[in-house]
């Protein structure tokens, strides 16, 4: 089960990184070395796992007293392709080829 949660965490982290690139003011007060904990309102089991896994600084952490920041996720909007297609697919059926 935690593998599924780890994949969801990685997806949220990638989306969060993109969000920060698009909204730099949002991250202004977040310390650079902060521990990020995602709380997903749509997935309470994941949120519980996330808080347990990342909500407390680890005793083996190389940065003492690391800040822990909780990010509440409201909703993930479905991804859309960024491709711009200029034509419809052309399927080669082999019927237009000349024969010897």
N, C-alpha and C. Protein backbone atom coordinates (compact mmCIF):
# COMPACT_ATOMS: atom_id res chain seq x y z
N UNK A 1 0.83 -1.20 0.00
CA UNK A 1 0.00 0.00 0.00
C UNK A 1 0.87 1.26 0.00
N UNK A 2 1.96 1.25 0.74
CA UNK A 2 2.77 2.46 0.81
C UNK A 2 3.40 2.80 -0.54
N UNK A 3 3.63 1.79 -1.40
CA UNK A 3 4.16 2.08 -2.73
C UNK A 3 3.19 2.96 -3.51
N UNK A 4 1.90 2.67 -3.39
CA UNK A 4 0.89 3.51 -4.05
C UNK A 4 0.93 4.93 -3.48
N UNK A 5 1.09 5.03 -2.16
CA UNK A 5 1.17 6.35 -1.53
C UNK A 5 2.45 7.07 -1.95
N UNK A 6 3.54 6.35 -2.07
CA UNK A 6 4.79 6.97 -2.51
C UNK A 6 4.66 7.52 -3.92
N UNK A 7 4.01 6.77 -4.79
CA UNK A 7 3.78 7.25 -6.16
C UNK A 7 2.90 8.49 -6.16
N UNK A 8 1.87 8.50 -5.32
CA UNK A 8 0.99 9.67 -5.22
C UNK A 8 1.78 10.86 -4.68
N UNK A 9 2.63 10.62 -3.68
CA UNK A 9 3.46 11.69 -3.13
C UNK A 9 4.36 12.27 -4.22
N UNK A 10 4.99 11.41 -5.01
CA UNK A 10 5.86 11.89 -6.08
C UNK A 10 5.09 12.69 -7.12
N UNK A 11 3.87 12.26 -7.42
CA UNK A 11 3.03 13.00 -8.36
C UNK A 11 2.70 14.38 -7.78
N UNK A 12 2.32 14.42 -6.51
CA UNK A 12 2.00 15.70 -5.88
C UNK A 12 3.22 16.60 -5.81
N UNK A 13 4.38 16.02 -5.53
CA UNK A 13 5.60 16.81 -5.45
C UNK A 13 5.93 17.43 -6.81
N UNK A 14 5.78 16.67 -7.88
CA UNK A 14 6.02 17.21 -9.22
C UNK A 14 5.04 18.34 -9.54
N UNK A 15 3.78 18.13 -9.19
CA UNK A 15 2.76 19.17 -9.43
C UNK A 15 3.04 20.40 -8.56
N UNK A 16 3.48 20.18 -7.32
CA UNK A 16 3.80 21.29 -6.43
C UNK A 16 4.99 22.08 -6.98
N UNK A 17 6.00 21.39 -7.47
CA UNK A 17 7.15 22.07 -8.08
C UNK A 17 6.69 22.94 -9.25
N UNK A 18 5.82 22.40 -10.09
CA UNK A 18 5.30 23.17 -11.22
C UNK A 18 4.48 24.37 -10.74
N UNK A 19 3.68 24.16 -9.69
CA UNK A 19 2.88 25.25 -9.14
C UNK A 19 3.78 26.38 -8.63
N UNK A 20 4.87 26.00 -7.97
CA UNK A 20 5.80 27.01 -7.44
C UNK A 20 6.44 27.79 -8.59
N UNK A 21 6.77 27.10 -9.67
CA UNK A 21 7.34 27.80 -10.82
C UNK A 21 6.36 28.82 -11.39
N UNK A 22 5.08 28.46 -11.39
CA UNK A 22 4.06 29.35 -11.94
C UNK A 22 3.58 30.40 -10.95
N UNK A 23 3.74 30.15 -9.64
CA UNK A 23 3.29 31.06 -8.58
C UNK A 23 4.41 31.24 -7.55
N UNK A 24 5.49 31.90 -7.92
CA UNK A 24 6.64 32.01 -7.01
C UNK A 24 6.32 32.71 -5.69
N UNK A 25 5.34 33.60 -5.67
CA UNK A 25 4.99 34.28 -4.42
C UNK A 25 4.48 33.31 -3.36
N UNK A 26 3.87 32.20 -3.80
CA UNK A 26 3.34 31.22 -2.86
C UNK A 26 4.45 30.65 -1.99
N UNK A 27 5.62 30.47 -2.56
CA UNK A 27 6.73 29.81 -1.86
C UNK A 27 7.65 30.78 -1.13
N UNK A 28 7.37 32.04 -1.21
CA UNK A 28 8.27 33.04 -0.65
C UNK A 28 8.61 32.79 0.82
N UNK A 29 7.64 32.40 1.62
CA UNK A 29 7.86 32.22 3.06
C UNK A 29 8.19 30.78 3.45
N UNK A 30 8.30 29.88 2.48
CA UNK A 30 8.64 28.49 2.77
C UNK A 30 10.17 28.38 2.79
N UNK A 31 10.74 27.95 3.91
CA UNK A 31 12.20 27.79 3.95
C UNK A 31 12.68 26.82 2.88
N UNK A 32 13.83 27.10 2.32
CA UNK A 32 14.39 26.29 1.23
C UNK A 32 14.54 24.82 1.60
N UNK A 33 14.91 24.55 2.83
CA UNK A 33 15.18 23.17 3.26
C UNK A 33 14.02 22.56 4.04
N UNK A 34 12.84 23.12 3.90
CA UNK A 34 11.68 22.64 4.67
C UNK A 34 11.25 21.24 4.23
N UNK A 35 10.70 20.50 5.17
CA UNK A 35 10.09 19.20 4.88
C UNK A 35 8.65 19.46 4.46
N UNK A 36 8.26 18.98 3.30
CA UNK A 36 6.91 19.20 2.78
C UNK A 36 6.05 17.98 3.10
N UNK A 37 4.87 18.24 3.66
CA UNK A 37 3.90 17.18 3.95
C UNK A 37 2.63 17.53 3.20
N UNK A 38 2.20 16.63 2.32
CA UNK A 38 0.97 16.86 1.56
C UNK A 38 -0.21 16.24 2.29
N UNK A 39 -1.26 17.03 2.40
CA UNK A 39 -2.53 16.57 2.97
C UNK A 39 -3.55 16.68 1.86
N UNK A 40 -3.97 15.53 1.35
CA UNK A 40 -4.89 15.47 0.21
C UNK A 40 -6.31 15.25 0.71
N UNK A 41 -7.15 16.25 0.56
CA UNK A 41 -8.53 16.18 1.05
C UNK A 41 -9.31 15.06 0.38
N UNK A 42 -8.92 14.67 -0.82
CA UNK A 42 -9.63 13.62 -1.55
C UNK A 42 -9.21 12.22 -1.10
N UNK A 43 -8.06 12.11 -0.42
CA UNK A 43 -7.53 10.80 -0.03
C UNK A 43 -7.07 10.81 1.42
N UNK A 44 -7.99 10.65 2.37
CA UNK A 44 -7.62 10.71 3.78
C UNK A 44 -6.61 9.63 4.20
N UNK A 45 -6.66 8.44 3.60
CA UNK A 45 -5.69 7.40 3.95
C UNK A 45 -4.28 7.82 3.54
N UNK A 46 -4.16 8.42 2.36
CA UNK A 46 -2.86 8.94 1.93
C UNK A 46 -2.40 10.03 2.88
N UNK A 47 -3.30 10.93 3.26
CA UNK A 47 -2.94 12.04 4.15
C UNK A 47 -2.42 11.52 5.47
N UNK A 48 -3.06 10.49 6.02
CA UNK A 48 -2.60 9.89 7.28
C UNK A 48 -1.19 9.34 7.09
N UNK A 49 -0.96 8.61 5.99
CA UNK A 49 0.37 8.06 5.71
C UNK A 49 1.39 9.19 5.57
N UNK A 50 1.03 10.25 4.85
CA UNK A 50 1.94 11.36 4.61
C UNK A 50 2.35 12.05 5.92
N UNK A 51 1.37 12.28 6.79
CA UNK A 51 1.66 12.92 8.07
C UNK A 51 2.55 12.02 8.92
N UNK A 52 2.25 10.71 8.93
CA UNK A 52 3.06 9.77 9.71
C UNK A 52 4.49 9.71 9.15
N UNK A 53 4.62 9.69 7.84
CA UNK A 53 5.94 9.53 7.21
C UNK A 53 6.78 10.80 7.24
N UNK A 54 6.15 11.96 7.09
CA UNK A 54 6.91 13.19 6.90
C UNK A 54 6.57 14.30 7.90
N UNK A 55 5.61 14.08 8.77
CA UNK A 55 5.13 15.15 9.64
C UNK A 55 6.02 15.51 10.80
N UNK A 56 6.97 14.66 11.13
CA UNK A 56 7.88 14.94 12.24
C UNK A 56 9.31 14.85 11.75
N UNK A 57 10.15 15.78 12.19
CA UNK A 57 11.55 15.71 11.77
C UNK A 57 12.18 14.39 12.21
N UNK A 58 12.98 13.83 11.35
CA UNK A 58 13.66 12.57 11.65
C UNK A 58 14.85 12.83 12.56
N UNK A 59 15.07 11.96 13.56
CA UNK A 59 16.24 12.14 14.42
C UNK A 59 17.56 12.03 13.65
N UNK A 60 17.53 11.34 12.51
CA UNK A 60 18.75 11.19 11.71
C UNK A 60 18.88 12.27 10.63
N UNK A 61 17.99 13.26 10.67
CA UNK A 61 18.02 14.34 9.68
C UNK A 61 19.32 15.11 9.80
N UNK A 62 19.92 15.44 8.66
CA UNK A 62 21.17 16.20 8.67
C UNK A 62 20.97 17.68 8.98
N UNK A 63 19.71 18.13 9.00
CA UNK A 63 19.40 19.52 9.33
C UNK A 63 18.58 19.53 10.62
N UNK A 64 19.20 19.92 11.74
CA UNK A 64 18.44 19.94 12.99
C UNK A 64 17.33 21.00 12.95
N UNK A 65 16.23 20.69 13.58
CA UNK A 65 15.09 21.63 13.66
C UNK A 65 14.58 22.05 12.28
N UNK A 66 14.55 21.11 11.35
CA UNK A 66 14.03 21.39 10.01
C UNK A 66 12.56 21.81 10.11
N UNK A 67 12.19 22.84 9.38
CA UNK A 67 10.79 23.27 9.33
C UNK A 67 9.95 22.23 8.61
N UNK A 68 8.74 22.00 9.12
CA UNK A 68 7.80 21.09 8.49
C UNK A 68 6.62 21.93 7.99
N UNK A 69 6.34 21.85 6.70
CA UNK A 69 5.29 22.64 6.08
C UNK A 69 4.20 21.70 5.57
N UNK A 70 2.97 21.93 6.00
CA UNK A 70 1.83 21.12 5.55
C UNK A 70 1.14 21.84 4.40
N UNK A 71 1.02 21.16 3.28
CA UNK A 71 0.38 21.71 2.09
C UNK A 71 -0.93 20.96 1.87
N UNK A 72 -2.04 21.67 1.95
CA UNK A 72 -3.35 21.05 1.72
C UNK A 72 -3.67 21.05 0.24
N UNK A 73 -3.92 19.87 -0.29
CA UNK A 73 -4.25 19.71 -1.70
C UNK A 73 -5.77 19.65 -1.81
N UNK A 74 -6.34 20.56 -2.58
CA UNK A 74 -7.78 20.56 -2.75
C UNK A 74 -8.24 19.60 -3.83
N UNK A 75 -7.59 19.67 -4.99
CA UNK A 75 -8.03 18.87 -6.12
C UNK A 75 -6.92 18.85 -7.17
N UNK A 76 -6.77 17.72 -7.82
CA UNK A 76 -5.88 17.63 -8.98
C UNK A 76 -6.75 17.68 -10.23
N UNK A 77 -6.48 18.65 -11.05
CA UNK A 77 -7.21 18.78 -12.31
C UNK A 77 -6.60 17.79 -13.30
N UNK A 78 -7.40 17.11 -14.09
CA UNK A 78 -6.84 16.14 -15.05
C UNK A 78 -5.82 16.79 -15.97
N UNK A 79 -4.75 16.05 -16.24
CA UNK A 79 -3.71 16.54 -17.15
C UNK A 79 -4.26 16.65 -18.56
N UNK A 80 -3.73 17.61 -19.28
CA UNK A 80 -4.08 17.78 -20.68
C UNK A 80 -2.79 17.82 -21.47
N UNK A 81 -2.85 17.33 -22.66
CA UNK A 81 -1.68 17.34 -23.52
C UNK A 81 -1.36 18.77 -23.95
N UNK A 82 -0.09 19.04 -24.09
CA UNK A 82 0.34 20.34 -24.58
C UNK A 82 0.66 20.30 -26.07
N UNK A 83 0.41 19.14 -26.73
CA UNK A 83 0.66 19.03 -28.16
C UNK A 83 -0.32 19.87 -28.95
N UNK A 84 0.18 20.46 -30.01
CA UNK A 84 -0.68 21.16 -30.94
C UNK A 84 -0.57 20.40 -32.26
N UNK A 85 -1.62 19.71 -32.63
CA UNK A 85 -1.59 18.89 -33.84
C UNK A 85 -2.13 19.70 -35.01
N UNK A 86 -1.45 19.57 -36.15
CA UNK A 86 -1.83 20.33 -37.33
C UNK A 86 -2.62 19.52 -38.34
N UNK A 87 -2.73 18.23 -38.12
CA UNK A 87 -3.49 17.40 -39.06
C UNK A 87 -4.03 16.19 -38.33
N UNK A 88 -4.95 15.53 -38.99
CA UNK A 88 -5.46 14.29 -38.44
C UNK A 88 -4.52 13.16 -38.85
N UNK A 89 -4.52 12.06 -38.12
CA UNK A 89 -3.63 10.96 -38.49
C UNK A 89 -3.96 10.42 -39.87
N UNK A 90 -2.93 10.13 -40.62
CA UNK A 90 -3.11 9.54 -41.95
C UNK A 90 -2.64 8.10 -41.87
N UNK A 91 -3.53 7.19 -42.17
CA UNK A 91 -3.22 5.77 -42.08
C UNK A 91 -2.90 5.24 -43.45
N UNK A 92 -1.73 4.63 -43.55
CA UNK A 92 -1.29 4.05 -44.82
C UNK A 92 -1.86 2.64 -44.92
N UNK A 93 -2.82 2.47 -45.80
CA UNK A 93 -3.43 1.15 -45.99
C UNK A 93 -2.73 0.36 -47.07
N UNK A 94 -1.78 0.97 -47.75
CA UNK A 94 -1.05 0.29 -48.81
C UNK A 94 -1.81 0.25 -50.13
N UNK A 95 -2.99 0.82 -50.21
CA UNK A 95 -3.82 0.75 -51.42
C UNK A 95 -3.37 1.73 -52.49
N UNK A 96 -2.68 2.77 -52.12
CA UNK A 96 -2.31 3.78 -53.11
C UNK A 96 -0.95 3.51 -53.75
N UNK A 97 -0.27 2.47 -53.37
CA UNK A 97 1.05 2.17 -53.92
C UNK A 97 0.91 1.63 -55.34
N UNK A 98 1.87 2.02 -56.17
CA UNK A 98 1.87 1.51 -57.55
C UNK A 98 2.50 0.13 -57.57
N UNK A 99 1.99 -0.70 -58.45
CA UNK A 99 2.51 -2.07 -58.56
C UNK A 99 3.31 -2.18 -59.85
N UNK A 100 4.36 -2.99 -59.83
CA UNK A 100 5.16 -3.14 -61.07
C UNK A 100 4.43 -3.89 -62.15
